[in-house]
Amino acid sequence: MHNFERLVFWQKSIGFAKKIYLTSQNIASDEKFGLISQMKRAVVSIPSNIAEGSGRNSDREFNHFLAISLGSAFEIQTQLILAKELELLNAETANELLNEVSEIQRMIYSFKNNLQLKS
């Protein structure tokens, strides 16, 4: 069992989720039940799956939840690209968020690979 709160990529994903929630407040209300709702679900899934996996009985199970978390990170990346293309987010904000999610993806991927090597 891993202490997820000590994992830097979990900490970063919590901060990232907060940024997505705060940023989404500035997006037109007609998107609240469309893209914004989907973005919120995806971004919450990242730290949630890291936490859930850390409490599992084996590194193999943890690795499975890390894969789900990584998938959610790629999902939010796609949604941010779409929000930028639709001009729901300005380019500067979108690029900042895209850089941050890329860093989280790399961190999860690296930890996931190290966990696999250990198993």
PDB file of N, CA and C in Angstrom:
ATOM      1  N   MET A   1       0.845  -1.171   0.000  1.00  0.00           N
ATOM      2  CA  MET A   1       0.000   0.000   0.000  1.00  0.00           C
ATOM      3  C   MET A   1       0.898   1.244   0.000  1.00  0.00           C
ATOM      4  N   HIS A   2       0.520   2.218  -0.799  1.00  0.00           N
ATOM      5  CA  HIS A   2       1.259   3.473  -0.937  1.00  0.00           C
ATOM      6  C   HIS A   2       0.477   4.607  -0.282  1.00  0.00           C
ATOM      7  N   ASN A   3       1.180   5.562   0.270  1.00  0.00           N
ATOM      8  CA  ASN A   3       0.541   6.755   0.811  1.00  0.00           C
ATOM      9  C   ASN A   3       0.397   7.756  -0.341  1.00  0.00           C
ATOM     10  N   PHE A   4      -0.782   7.785  -0.940  1.00  0.00           N
ATOM     11  CA  PHE A   4      -0.996   8.599  -2.136  1.00  0.00           C
ATOM     12  C   PHE A   4      -0.755  10.082  -1.895  1.00  0.00           C
ATOM     13  N   GLU A   5      -1.012  10.549  -0.676  1.00  0.00           N
ATOM     14  CA  GLU A   5      -0.850  11.976  -0.397  1.00  0.00           C
ATOM     15  C   GLU A   5       0.608  12.424  -0.471  1.00  0.00           C
ATOM     16  N   ARG A   6       1.519  11.496  -0.406  1.00  0.00           N
ATOM     17  CA  ARG A   6       2.940  11.822  -0.502  1.00  0.00           C
ATOM     18  C   ARG A   6       3.450  11.759  -1.940  1.00  0.00           C
ATOM     19  N   LEU A   7       2.630  11.256  -2.851  1.00  0.00           N
ATOM     20  CA  LEU A   7       3.030  11.151  -4.253  1.00  0.00           C
ATOM     21  C   LEU A   7       2.917  12.525  -4.915  1.00  0.00           C
ATOM     22  N   VAL A   8       4.020  13.007  -5.452  1.00  0.00           N
ATOM     23  CA  VAL A   8       4.054  14.352  -6.032  1.00  0.00           C
ATOM     24  C   VAL A   8       3.057  14.478  -7.174  1.00  0.00           C
ATOM     25  N   PHE A   9       2.907  13.441  -7.979  1.00  0.00           N
ATOM     26  CA  PHE A   9       1.977  13.539  -9.111  1.00  0.00           C
ATOM     27  C   PHE A   9       0.530  13.556  -8.639  1.00  0.00           C
ATOM     28  N   TRP A  10       0.224  12.958  -7.495  1.00  0.00           N
ATOM     29  CA  TRP A  10      -1.125  13.087  -6.921  1.00  0.00           C
ATOM     30  C   TRP A  10      -1.333  14.526  -6.462  1.00  0.00           C
ATOM     31  N   GLN A  11      -0.343  15.087  -5.765  1.00  0.00           N
ATOM     32  CA  GLN A  11      -0.423  16.465  -5.292  1.00  0.00           C
ATOM     33  C   GLN A  11      -0.621  17.426  -6.459  1.00  0.00           C
ATOM     34  N   LYS A  12       0.154  17.223  -7.526  1.00  0.00           N
ATOM     35  CA  LYS A  12       0.032  18.083  -8.705  1.00  0.00           C
ATOM     36  C   LYS A  12      -1.343  17.922  -9.362  1.00  0.00           C
ATOM     37  N   SER A  13      -1.847  16.700  -9.385  1.00  0.00           N
ATOM     38  CA  SER A  13      -3.152  16.475 -10.021  1.00  0.00           C
ATOM     39  C   SER A  13      -4.289  17.103  -9.216  1.00  0.00           C
ATOM     40  N   ILE A  14      -4.131  17.187  -7.896  1.00  0.00           N
ATOM     41  CA  ILE A  14      -5.121  17.894  -7.071  1.00  0.00           C
ATOM     42  C   ILE A  14      -5.094  19.389  -7.407  1.00  0.00           C
ATOM     43  N   GLY A  15      -3.900  19.964  -7.469  1.00  0.00           N
ATOM     44  CA  GLY A  15      -3.764  21.377  -7.836  1.00  0.00           C
ATOM     45  C   GLY A  15      -4.292  21.652  -9.230  1.00  0.00           C
ATOM     46  N   PHE A  16      -4.045  20.716 -10.145  1.00  0.00           N
ATOM     47  CA  PHE A  16      -4.514  20.863 -11.521  1.00  0.00           C
ATOM     48  C   PHE A  16      -6.046  20.819 -11.569  1.00  0.00           C
ATOM     49  N   ALA A  17      -6.643  19.913 -10.817  1.00  0.00           N
ATOM     50  CA  ALA A  17      -8.107  19.820 -10.775  1.00  0.00           C
ATOM     51  C   ALA A  17      -8.705  21.132 -10.265  1.00  0.00           C
ATOM     52  N   LYS A  18      -8.074  21.696  -9.260  1.00  0.00           N
ATOM     53  CA  LYS A  18      -8.540  22.968  -8.724  1.00  0.00           C
ATOM     54  C   LYS A  18      -8.481  24.053  -9.803  1.00  0.00           C
ATOM     55  N   LYS A  19      -7.392  24.084 -10.568  1.00  0.00           N
ATOM     56  CA  LYS A  19      -7.263  25.079 -11.645  1.00  0.00           C
ATOM     57  C   LYS A  19      -8.350  24.899 -12.697  1.00  0.00           C
ATOM     58  N   ILE A  20      -8.634  23.655 -13.059  1.00  0.00           N
ATOM     59  CA  ILE A  20      -9.679  23.395 -14.057  1.00  0.00           C
ATOM     60  C   ILE A  20     -11.029  23.885 -13.527  1.00  0.00           C
ATOM     61  N   TYR A  21     -11.340  23.593 -12.274  1.00  0.00           N
ATOM     62  CA  TYR A  21     -12.605  24.051 -11.692  1.00  0.00           C
ATOM     63  C   TYR A  21     -12.690  25.575 -11.691  1.00  0.00           C
ATOM     64  N   LEU A  22     -11.620  26.235 -11.282  1.00  0.00           N
ATOM     65  CA  LEU A  22     -11.626  27.695 -11.232  1.00  0.00           C
ATOM     66  C   LEU A  22     -11.687  28.308 -12.634  1.00  0.00           C
ATOM     67  N   THR A  23     -10.946  27.735 -13.557  1.00  0.00           N
ATOM     68  CA  THR A  23     -10.938  28.233 -14.936  1.00  0.00           C
ATOM     69  C   THR A  23     -12.297  28.043 -15.592  1.00  0.00           C
ATOM     70  N   SER A  24     -12.949  26.932 -15.292  1.00  0.00           N
ATOM     71  CA  SER A  24     -14.235  26.637 -15.935  1.00  0.00           C
ATOM     72  C   SER A  24     -15.333  27.612 -15.510  1.00  0.00           C
ATOM     73  N   GLN A  25     -15.137  28.310 -14.412  1.00  0.00           N
ATOM     74  CA  GLN A  25     -16.124  29.306 -13.980  1.00  0.00           C
ATOM     75  C   GLN A  25     -16.221  30.465 -14.972  1.00  0.00           C
ATOM     76  N   ASN A  26     -15.176  30.647 -15.769  1.00  0.00           N
ATOM     77  CA  ASN A  26     -15.143  31.757 -16.730  1.00  0.00           C
ATOM     78  C   ASN A  26     -15.661  31.375 -18.109  1.00  0.00           C
ATOM     79  N   ILE A  27     -16.088  30.136 -18.258  1.00  0.00           N
ATOM     80  CA  ILE A  27     -16.572  29.665 -19.562  1.00  0.00           C
ATOM     81  C   ILE A  27     -18.087  29.827 -19.606  1.00  0.00           C
ATOM     82  N   ALA A  28     -18.579  30.154 -20.776  1.00  0.00           N
ATOM     83  CA  ALA A  28     -20.006  30.426 -20.979  1.00  0.00           C
ATOM     84  C   ALA A  28     -20.892  29.360 -20.344  1.00  0.00           C
ATOM     85  N   SER A  29     -21.968  29.819 -19.744  1.00  0.00           N
ATOM     86  CA  SER A  29     -22.847  28.918 -19.008  1.00  0.00           C
ATOM     87  C   SER A  29     -23.533  27.879 -19.899  1.00  0.00           C
ATOM     88  N   ASP A  30     -23.649  28.144 -21.189  1.00  0.00           N
ATOM     89  CA  ASP A  30     -24.288  27.154 -22.063  1.00  0.00           C
ATOM     90  C   ASP A  30     -23.417  25.912 -22.238  1.00  0.00           C
ATOM     91  N   GLU A  31     -22.171  25.965 -21.798  1.00  0.00           N
ATOM     92  CA  GLU A  31     -21.282  24.802 -21.853  1.00  0.00           C
ATOM     93  C   GLU A  31     -21.218  24.040 -20.537  1.00  0.00           C
ATOM     94  N   LYS A  32     -21.927  24.499 -19.524  1.00  0.00           N
ATOM     95  CA  LYS A  32     -21.838  23.892 -18.192  1.00  0.00           C
ATOM     96  C   LYS A  32     -22.184  22.406 -18.193  1.00  0.00           C
ATOM     97  N   PHE A  33     -23.130  21.993 -19.010  1.00  0.00           N
ATOM     98  CA  PHE A  33     -23.537  20.591 -19.018  1.00  0.00           C
ATOM     99  C   PHE A  33     -22.952  19.831 -20.197  1.00  0.00           C
ATOM    100  N   GLY A  34     -22.078  20.471 -20.930  1.00  0.00           N
ATOM    101  CA  GLY A  34     -21.425  19.823 -22.056  1.00  0.00           C
ATOM    102  C   GLY A  34     -19.966  19.582 -21.752  1.00  0.00           C
ATOM    103  N   LEU A  35     -19.131  20.328 -22.409  1.00  0.00           N
ATOM    104  CA  LEU A  35     -17.688  20.158 -22.305  1.00  0.00           C
ATOM    105  C   LEU A  35     -17.181  20.391 -20.886  1.00  0.00           C
ATOM    106  N   ILE A  36     -17.685  21.381 -20.203  1.00  0.00           N
ATOM    107  CA  ILE A  36     -17.210  21.707 -18.855  1.00  0.00           C
ATOM    108  C   ILE A  36     -17.493  20.557 -17.894  1.00  0.00           C
ATOM    109  N   SER A  37     -18.665  20.008 -17.962  1.00  0.00           N
ATOM    110  CA  SER A  37     -19.025  18.874 -17.110  1.00  0.00           C
ATOM    111  C   SER A  37     -18.093  17.691 -17.374  1.00  0.00           C
ATOM    112  N   GLN A  38     -17.824  17.447 -18.633  1.00  0.00           N
ATOM    113  CA  GLN A  38     -16.930  16.347 -19.021  1.00  0.00           C
ATOM    114  C   GLN A  38     -15.506  16.610 -18.526  1.00  0.00           C
ATOM    115  N   MET A  39     -15.048  17.839 -18.626  1.00  0.00           N
ATOM    116  CA  MET A  39     -13.707  18.198 -18.156  1.00  0.00           C
ATOM    117  C   MET A  39     -13.589  17.981 -16.647  1.00  0.00           C
ATOM    118  N   LYS A  40     -14.600  18.378 -15.916  1.00  0.00           N
ATOM    119  CA  LYS A  40     -14.567  18.221 -14.461  1.00  0.00           C
ATOM    120  C   LYS A  40     -14.522  16.748 -14.071  1.00  0.00           C
ATOM    121  N   ARG A  41     -15.307  15.929 -14.742  1.00  0.00           N
ATOM    122  CA  ARG A  41     -15.293  14.490 -14.443  1.00  0.00           C
ATOM    123  C   ARG A  41     -13.922  13.892 -14.725  1.00  0.00           C
ATOM    124  N   ALA A  42     -13.345  14.256 -15.859  1.00  0.00           N
ATOM    125  CA  ALA A  42     -12.040  13.702 -16.243  1.00  0.00           C
ATOM    126  C   ALA A  42     -10.945  14.142 -15.282  1.00  0.00           C
ATOM    127  N   VAL A  43     -10.944  15.422 -14.907  1.00  0.00           N
ATOM    128  CA  VAL A  43      -9.861  15.924 -14.065  1.00  0.00           C
ATOM    129  C   VAL A  43      -9.948  15.368 -12.640  1.00  0.00           C
ATOM    130  N   VAL A  44     -11.154  15.141 -12.143  1.00  0.00           N
ATOM    131  CA  VAL A  44     -11.314  14.542 -10.814  1.00  0.00           C
ATOM    132  C   VAL A  44     -10.885  13.075 -10.835  1.00  0.00           C
ATOM    133  N   SER A  45     -11.055  12.436 -11.962  1.00  0.00           N
ATOM    134  CA  SER A  45     -10.685  11.035 -12.103  1.00  0.00           C
ATOM    135  C   SER A  45      -9.177  10.796 -11.950  1.00  0.00           C
ATOM    136  N   ILE A  46      -8.371  11.792 -12.282  1.00  0.00           N
ATOM    137  CA  ILE A  46      -6.912  11.609 -12.218  1.00  0.00           C
ATOM    138  C   ILE A  46      -6.471  11.325 -10.778  1.00  0.00           C
ATOM    139  N   PRO A  47      -6.652  12.260  -9.833  1.00  0.00           N
ATOM    140  CA  PRO A  47      -6.196  11.969  -8.468  1.00  0.00           C
ATOM    141  C   PRO A  47      -7.029  10.880  -7.781  1.00  0.00           C
ATOM    142  N   SER A  48      -8.297  10.762  -8.159  1.00  0.00           N
ATOM    143  CA  SER A  48      -9.155   9.749  -7.539  1.00  0.00           C
ATOM    144  C   SER A  48      -8.659   8.338  -7.824  1.00  0.00           C
ATOM    145  N   ASN A  49      -8.275   8.082  -9.052  1.00  0.00           N
ATOM    146  CA  ASN A  49      -7.783   6.746  -9.400  1.00  0.00           C
ATOM    147  C   ASN A  49      -6.391   6.474  -8.832  1.00  0.00           C
ATOM    148  N   ILE A  50      -5.581   7.517  -8.715  1.00  0.00           N
ATOM    149  CA  ILE A  50      -4.279   7.345  -8.058  1.00  0.00           C
ATOM    150  C   ILE A  50      -4.522   6.921  -6.605  1.00  0.00           C
ATOM    151  N   ALA A  51      -5.422   7.625  -5.924  1.00  0.00           N
ATOM    152  CA  ALA A  51      -5.730   7.317  -4.527  1.00  0.00           C
ATOM    153  C   ALA A  51      -6.323   5.919  -4.384  1.00  0.00           C
ATOM    154  N   GLU A  52      -7.293   5.593  -5.228  1.00  0.00           N
ATOM    155  CA  GLU A  52      -7.921   4.278  -5.131  1.00  0.00           C
ATOM    156  C   GLU A  52      -6.906   3.164  -5.373  1.00  0.00           C
ATOM    157  N   GLY A  53      -6.089   3.345  -6.378  1.00  0.00           N
ATOM    158  CA  GLY A  53      -5.094   2.315  -6.691  1.00  0.00           C
ATOM    159  C   GLY A  53      -4.060   2.136  -5.594  1.00  0.00           C
ATOM    160  N   SER A  54      -3.725   3.228  -4.923  1.00  0.00           N
ATOM    161  CA  SER A  54      -2.706   3.140  -3.877  1.00  0.00           C
ATOM    162  C   SER A  54      -3.167   2.286  -2.704  1.00  0.00           C
ATOM    163  N   GLY A  55      -4.454   2.160  -2.533  1.00  0.00           N
ATOM    164  CA  GLY A  55      -4.999   1.366  -1.437  1.00  0.00           C
ATOM    165  C   GLY A  55      -5.261  -0.081  -1.796  1.00  0.00           C
ATOM    166  N   ARG A  56      -4.947  -0.457  -2.995  1.00  0.00           N
ATOM    167  CA  ARG A  56      -5.177  -1.836  -3.428  1.00  0.00           C
ATOM    168  C   ARG A  56      -4.129  -2.779  -2.848  1.00  0.00           C
ATOM    169  N   ASN A  57      -4.374  -4.052  -3.021  1.00  0.00           N
ATOM    170  CA  ASN A  57      -3.541  -5.083  -2.390  1.00  0.00           C
ATOM    171  C   ASN A  57      -2.221  -5.371  -3.077  1.00  0.00           C
ATOM    172  N   SER A  58      -2.080  -4.934  -4.311  1.00  0.00           N
ATOM    173  CA  SER A  58      -0.851  -5.269  -5.023  1.00  0.00           C
ATOM    174  C   SER A  58      -0.425  -4.130  -5.946  1.00  0.00           C
ATOM    175  N   ASP A  59       0.840  -4.150  -6.298  1.00  0.00           N
ATOM    176  CA  ASP A  59       1.346  -3.172  -7.253  1.00  0.00           C
ATOM    177  C   ASP A  59       0.684  -3.360  -8.617  1.00  0.00           C
ATOM    178  N   ARG A  60       0.333  -4.582  -8.942  1.00  0.00           N
ATOM    179  CA  ARG A  60      -0.341  -4.845 -10.227  1.00  0.00           C
ATOM    180  C   ARG A  60      -1.694  -4.127 -10.277  1.00  0.00           C
ATOM    181  N   GLU A  61      -2.440  -4.198  -9.167  1.00  0.00           N
ATOM    182  CA  GLU A  61      -3.724  -3.497  -9.109  1.00  0.00           C
ATOM    183  C   GLU A  61      -3.514  -1.981  -9.148  1.00  0.00           C
ATOM    184  N   PHE A  62      -2.504  -1.510  -8.423  1.00  0.00           N
ATOM    185  CA  PHE A  62      -2.183  -0.085  -8.417  1.00  0.00           C
ATOM    186  C   PHE A  62      -1.863   0.369  -9.837  1.00  0.00           C
ATOM    187  N   ASN A  63      -1.105  -0.429 -10.539  1.00  0.00           N
ATOM    188  CA  ASN A  63      -0.723  -0.117 -11.917  1.00  0.00           C
ATOM    189  C   ASN A  63      -1.963   0.027 -12.804  1.00  0.00           C
ATOM    190  N   HIS A  64      -2.950  -0.813 -12.583  1.00  0.00           N
ATOM    191  CA  HIS A  64      -4.197  -0.744 -13.349  1.00  0.00           C
ATOM    192  C   HIS A  64      -4.883   0.614 -13.138  1.00  0.00           C
ATOM    193  N   PHE A  65      -4.954   1.063 -11.889  1.00  0.00           N
ATOM    194  CA  PHE A  65      -5.590   2.345 -11.594  1.00  0.00           C
ATOM    195  C   PHE A  65      -4.763   3.519 -12.098  1.00  0.00           C
ATOM    196  N   LEU A  66      -3.444   3.354 -12.115  1.00  0.00           N
ATOM    197  CA  LEU A  66      -2.592   4.394 -12.707  1.00  0.00           C
ATOM    198  C   LEU A  66      -2.871   4.519 -14.203  1.00  0.00           C
ATOM    199  N   ALA A  67      -3.127   3.381 -14.851  1.00  0.00           N
ATOM    200  CA  ALA A  67      -3.462   3.408 -16.286  1.00  0.00           C
ATOM    201  C   ALA A  67      -4.772   4.160 -16.519  1.00  0.00           C
ATOM    202  N   ILE A  68      -5.738   3.955 -15.651  1.00  0.00           N
ATOM    203  CA  ILE A  68      -7.015   4.679 -15.764  1.00  0.00           C
ATOM    204  C   ILE A  68      -6.778   6.174 -15.551  1.00  0.00           C
ATOM    205  N   SER A  69      -5.976   6.498 -14.541  1.00  0.00           N
ATOM    206  CA  SER A  69      -5.648   7.894 -14.255  1.00  0.00           C
ATOM    207  C   SER A  69      -4.957   8.552 -15.450  1.00  0.00           C
ATOM    208  N   LEU A  70      -4.032   7.834 -16.045  1.00  0.00           N
ATOM    209  CA  LEU A  70      -3.322   8.335 -17.217  1.00  0.00           C
ATOM    210  C   LEU A  70      -4.295   8.561 -18.380  1.00  0.00           C
ATOM    211  N   GLY A  71      -5.232   7.646 -18.562  1.00  0.00           N
ATOM    212  CA  GLY A  71      -6.249   7.812 -19.598  1.00  0.00           C
ATOM    213  C   GLY A  71      -7.078   9.066 -19.378  1.00  0.00           C
ATOM    214  N   SER A  72      -7.421   9.335 -18.135  1.00  0.00           N
ATOM    215  CA  SER A  72      -8.175  10.548 -17.807  1.00  0.00           C
ATOM    216  C   SER A  72      -7.350  11.802 -18.082  1.00  0.00           C
ATOM    217  N   ALA A  73      -6.044  11.713 -17.847  1.00  0.00           N
ATOM    218  CA  ALA A  73      -5.165  12.852 -18.135  1.00  0.00           C
ATOM    219  C   ALA A  73      -5.137  13.143 -19.639  1.00  0.00           C
ATOM    220  N   PHE A  74      -5.149  12.100 -20.453  1.00  0.00           N
ATOM    221  CA  PHE A  74      -5.188  12.309 -21.903  1.00  0.00           C
ATOM    222  C   PHE A  74      -6.561  12.804 -22.349  1.00  0.00           C
ATOM    223  N   GLU A  75      -7.591  12.375 -21.637  1.00  0.00           N
ATOM    224  CA  GLU A  75      -8.936  12.856 -21.936  1.00  0.00           C
ATOM    225  C   GLU A  75      -9.031  14.366 -21.684  1.00  0.00           C
ATOM    226  N   ILE A  76      -8.534  14.825 -20.533  1.00  0.00           N
ATOM    227  CA  ILE A  76      -8.594  16.263 -20.243  1.00  0.00           C
ATOM    228  C   ILE A  76      -7.700  17.043 -21.203  1.00  0.00           C
ATOM    229  N   GLN A  77      -6.614  16.449 -21.642  1.00  0.00           N
ATOM    230  CA  GLN A  77      -5.752  17.113 -22.635  1.00  0.00           C
ATOM    231  C   GLN A  77      -6.553  17.370 -23.915  1.00  0.00           C
ATOM    232  N   THR A  78      -7.270  16.384 -24.367  1.00  0.00           N
ATOM    233  CA  THR A  78      -8.087  16.521 -25.571  1.00  0.00           C
ATOM    234  C   THR A  78      -9.174  17.575 -25.382  1.00  0.00           C
ATOM    235  N   GLN A  79      -9.793  17.578 -24.223  1.00  0.00           N
ATOM    236  CA  GLN A  79     -10.854  18.546 -23.941  1.00  0.00           C
ATOM    237  C   GLN A  79     -10.313  19.970 -23.877  1.00  0.00           C
ATOM    238  N   LEU A  80      -9.105  20.120 -23.346  1.00  0.00           N
ATOM    239  CA  LEU A  80      -8.484  21.451 -23.323  1.00  0.00           C
ATOM    240  C   LEU A  80      -8.146  21.929 -24.737  1.00  0.00           C
ATOM    241  N   ILE A  81      -7.677  21.021 -25.561  1.00  0.00           N
ATOM    242  CA  ILE A  81      -7.390  21.378 -26.963  1.00  0.00           C
ATOM    243  C   ILE A  81      -8.678  21.833 -27.648  1.00  0.00           C
ATOM    244  N   LEU A  82      -9.756  21.099 -27.417  1.00  0.00           N
ATOM    245  CA  LEU A  82     -11.038  21.463 -28.012  1.00  0.00           C
ATOM    246  C   LEU A  82     -11.531  22.813 -27.480  1.00  0.00           C
ATOM    247  N   ALA A  83     -11.406  23.026 -26.177  1.00  0.00           N
ATOM    248  CA  ALA A  83     -11.830  24.308 -25.593  1.00  0.00           C
ATOM    249  C   ALA A  83     -11.024  25.463 -26.187  1.00  0.00           C
ATOM    250  N   LYS A  84      -9.752  25.215 -26.436  1.00  0.00           N
ATOM    251  CA  LYS A  84      -8.902  26.239 -27.068  1.00  0.00           C
ATOM    252  C   LYS A  84      -9.352  26.482 -28.513  1.00  0.00           C
ATOM    253  N   GLU A  85      -9.591  25.422 -29.248  1.00  0.00           N
ATOM    254  CA  GLU A  85     -10.025  25.536 -30.640  1.00  0.00           C
ATOM    255  C   GLU A  85     -11.369  26.251 -30.759  1.00  0.00           C
ATOM    256  N   LEU A  86     -12.250  26.015 -29.798  1.00  0.00           N
ATOM    257  CA  LEU A  86     -13.562  26.661 -29.801  1.00  0.00           C
ATOM    258  C   LEU A  86     -13.527  28.063 -29.192  1.00  0.00           C
ATOM    259  N   GLU A  87     -12.333  28.464 -28.778  1.00  0.00           N
ATOM    260  CA  GLU A  87     -12.108  29.771 -28.151  1.00  0.00           C
ATOM    261  C   GLU A  87     -12.921  29.945 -26.872  1.00  0.00           C
ATOM    262  N   LEU A  88     -13.138  28.821 -26.166  1.00  0.00           N
ATOM    263  CA  LEU A  88     -13.752  28.880 -24.846  1.00  0.00           C
ATOM    264  C   LEU A  88     -12.699  29.252 -23.809  1.00  0.00           C
ATOM    265  N   LEU A  89     -11.450  28.948 -24.132  1.00  0.00           N
ATOM    266  CA  LEU A  89     -10.293  29.340 -23.320  1.00  0.00           C
ATOM    267  C   LEU A  89      -9.355  30.144 -24.201  1.00  0.00           C
ATOM    268  N   ASN A  90      -8.731  31.149 -23.615  1.00  0.00           N
ATOM    269  CA  ASN A  90      -7.741  31.871 -24.415  1.00  0.00           C
ATOM    270  C   ASN A  90      -6.493  30.997 -24.557  1.00  0.00           C
ATOM    271  N   ALA A  91      -5.709  31.281 -25.559  1.00  0.00           N
ATOM    272  CA  ALA A  91      -4.551  30.446 -25.884  1.00  0.00           C
ATOM    273  C   ALA A  91      -3.556  30.364 -24.735  1.00  0.00           C
ATOM    274  N   GLU A  92      -3.319  31.458 -24.061  1.00  0.00           N
ATOM    275  CA  GLU A  92      -2.344  31.467 -22.966  1.00  0.00           C
ATOM    276  C   GLU A  92      -2.777  30.541 -21.824  1.00  0.00           C
ATOM    277  N   THR A  93      -4.018  30.642 -21.419  1.00  0.00           N
ATOM    278  CA  THR A  93      -4.542  29.795 -20.348  1.00  0.00           C
ATOM    279  C   THR A  93      -4.534  28.333 -20.774  1.00  0.00           C
ATOM    280  N   ALA A  94      -5.007  28.073 -21.976  1.00  0.00           N
ATOM    281  CA  ALA A  94      -5.049  26.700 -22.475  1.00  0.00           C
ATOM    282  C   ALA A  94      -3.655  26.091 -22.532  1.00  0.00           C
ATOM    283  N   ASN A  95      -2.693  26.849 -23.038  1.00  0.00           N
ATOM    284  CA  ASN A  95      -1.327  26.329 -23.151  1.00  0.00           C
ATOM    285  C   ASN A  95      -0.716  26.056 -21.781  1.00  0.00           C
ATOM    286  N   GLU A  96      -1.000  26.923 -20.830  1.00  0.00           N
ATOM    287  CA  GLU A  96      -0.502  26.712 -19.461  1.00  0.00           C
ATOM    288  C   GLU A  96      -1.075  25.415 -18.883  1.00  0.00           C
ATOM    289  N   LEU A  97      -2.372  25.215 -19.062  1.00  0.00           N
ATOM    290  CA  LEU A  97      -3.017  24.005 -18.566  1.00  0.00           C
ATOM    291  C   LEU A  97      -2.534  22.759 -19.313  1.00  0.00           C
ATOM    292  N   LEU A  98      -2.330  22.898 -20.610  1.00  0.00           N
ATOM    293  CA  LEU A  98      -1.820  21.767 -21.402  1.00  0.00           C
ATOM    294  C   LEU A  98      -0.410  21.371 -20.970  1.00  0.00           C
ATOM    295  N   ASN A  99       0.415  22.352 -20.668  1.00  0.00           N
ATOM    296  CA  ASN A  99       1.762  22.045 -20.174  1.00  0.00           C
ATOM    297  C   ASN A  99       1.700  21.327 -18.831  1.00  0.00           C
ATOM    298  N   GLU A 100       0.804  21.777 -17.996  1.00  0.00           N
ATOM    299  CA  GLU A 100       0.679  21.162 -16.672  1.00  0.00           C
ATOM    300  C   GLU A 100       0.188  19.722 -16.760  1.00  0.00           C
ATOM    301  N   VAL A 101      -0.804  19.473 -17.602  1.00  0.00           N
ATOM    302  CA  VAL A 101      -1.299  18.100 -17.715  1.00  0.00           C
ATOM    303  C   VAL A 101      -0.244  17.199 -18.360  1.00  0.00           C
ATOM    304  N   SER A 102       0.553  17.734 -19.259  1.00  0.00           N
ATOM    305  CA  SER A 102       1.639  16.940 -19.861  1.00  0.00           C
ATOM    306  C   SER A 102       2.655  16.516 -18.809  1.00  0.00           C
ATOM    307  N   GLU A 103       2.951  17.423 -17.889  1.00  0.00           N
ATOM    308  CA  GLU A 103       3.884  17.085 -16.809  1.00  0.00           C
ATOM    309  C   GLU A 103       3.305  15.979 -15.928  1.00  0.00           C
ATOM    310  N   ILE A 104       2.038  16.074 -15.602  1.00  0.00           N
ATOM    311  CA  ILE A 104       1.378  15.051 -14.789  1.00  0.00           C
ATOM    312  C   ILE A 104       1.392  13.715 -15.533  1.00  0.00           C
ATOM    313  N   GLN A 105       1.116  13.735 -16.824  1.00  0.00           N
ATOM    314  CA  GLN A 105       1.148  12.501 -17.622  1.00  0.00           C
ATOM    315  C   GLN A 105       2.523  11.840 -17.557  1.00  0.00           C
ATOM    316  N   ARG A 106       3.562  12.631 -17.732  1.00  0.00           N
ATOM    317  CA  ARG A 106       4.927  12.082 -17.680  1.00  0.00           C
ATOM    318  C   ARG A 106       5.240  11.484 -16.315  1.00  0.00           C
ATOM    319  N   MET A 107       4.808  12.149 -15.269  1.00  0.00           N
ATOM    320  CA  MET A 107       5.072  11.666 -13.915  1.00  0.00           C
ATOM    321  C   MET A 107       4.337  10.352 -13.635  1.00  0.00           C
ATOM    322  N   ILE A 108       3.083  10.282 -14.024  1.00  0.00           N
ATOM    323  CA  ILE A 108       2.311   9.046 -13.831  1.00  0.00           C
ATOM    324  C   ILE A 108       2.940   7.918 -14.643  1.00  0.00           C
ATOM    325  N   TYR A 109       3.259   8.203 -15.885  1.00  0.00           N
ATOM    326  CA  TYR A 109       3.842   7.196 -16.776  1.00  0.00           C
ATOM    327  C   TYR A 109       5.151   6.659 -16.202  1.00  0.00           C
ATOM    328  N   SER A 110       5.988   7.541 -15.710  1.00  0.00           N
ATOM    329  CA  SER A 110       7.279   7.146 -15.140  1.00  0.00           C
ATOM    330  C   SER A 110       7.084   6.279 -13.895  1.00  0.00           C
ATOM    331  N   PHE A 111       6.192   6.714 -13.009  1.00  0.00           N
ATOM    332  CA  PHE A 111       5.924   5.939 -11.797  1.00  0.00           C
ATOM    333  C   PHE A 111       5.345   4.580 -12.157  1.00  0.00           C
ATOM    334  N   LYS A 112       4.438   4.566 -13.114  1.00  0.00           N
ATOM    335  CA  LYS A 112       3.797   3.329 -13.576  1.00  0.00           C
ATOM    336  C   LYS A 112       4.840   2.353 -14.109  1.00  0.00           C
ATOM    337  N   ASN A 113       5.770   2.850 -14.908  1.00  0.00           N
ATOM    338  CA  ASN A 113       6.816   1.981 -15.455  1.00  0.00           C
ATOM    339  C   ASN A 113       7.713   1.452 -14.363  1.00  0.00           C
ATOM    340  N   ASN A 114       8.091   2.295 -13.394  1.00  0.00           N
ATOM    341  CA  ASN A 114       8.922   1.847 -12.289  1.00  0.00           C
ATOM    342  C   ASN A 114       8.199   0.800 -11.445  1.00  0.00           C
ATOM    343  N   LEU A 115       6.902   0.965 -11.275  1.00  0.00           N
ATOM    344  CA  LEU A 115       6.108   0.010 -10.513  1.00  0.00           C
ATOM    345  C   LEU A 115       6.075  -1.341 -11.232  1.00  0.00           C
ATOM    346  N   GLN A 116       5.961  -1.316 -12.552  1.00  0.00           N
ATOM    347  CA  GLN A 116       5.955  -2.544 -13.344  1.00  0.00           C
ATOM    348  C   GLN A 116       7.294  -3.271 -13.240  1.00  0.00           C
ATOM    349  N   LEU A 117       8.383  -2.526 -13.270  1.00  0.00           N
ATOM    350  CA  LEU A 117       9.714  -3.127 -13.179  1.00  0.00           C
ATOM    351  C   LEU A 117       9.916  -3.784 -11.820  1.00  0.00           C
ATOM    352  N   LYS A 118       9.331  -3.174 -10.802  1.00  0.00           N
ATOM    353  CA  LYS A 118       9.452  -3.672  -9.440  1.00  0.00           C
ATOM    354  C   LYS A 118       8.679  -4.976  -9.242  1.00  0.00           C
ATOM    355  N   SER A 119       7.572  -5.109  -9.982  1.00  0.00           N
ATOM    356  CA  SER A 119       6.692  -6.284  -9.827  1.00  0.00           C
ATOM    357  C   SER A 119       7.275  -7.532 -10.443  1.00  0.00           C
TER     358      SER A 119
END
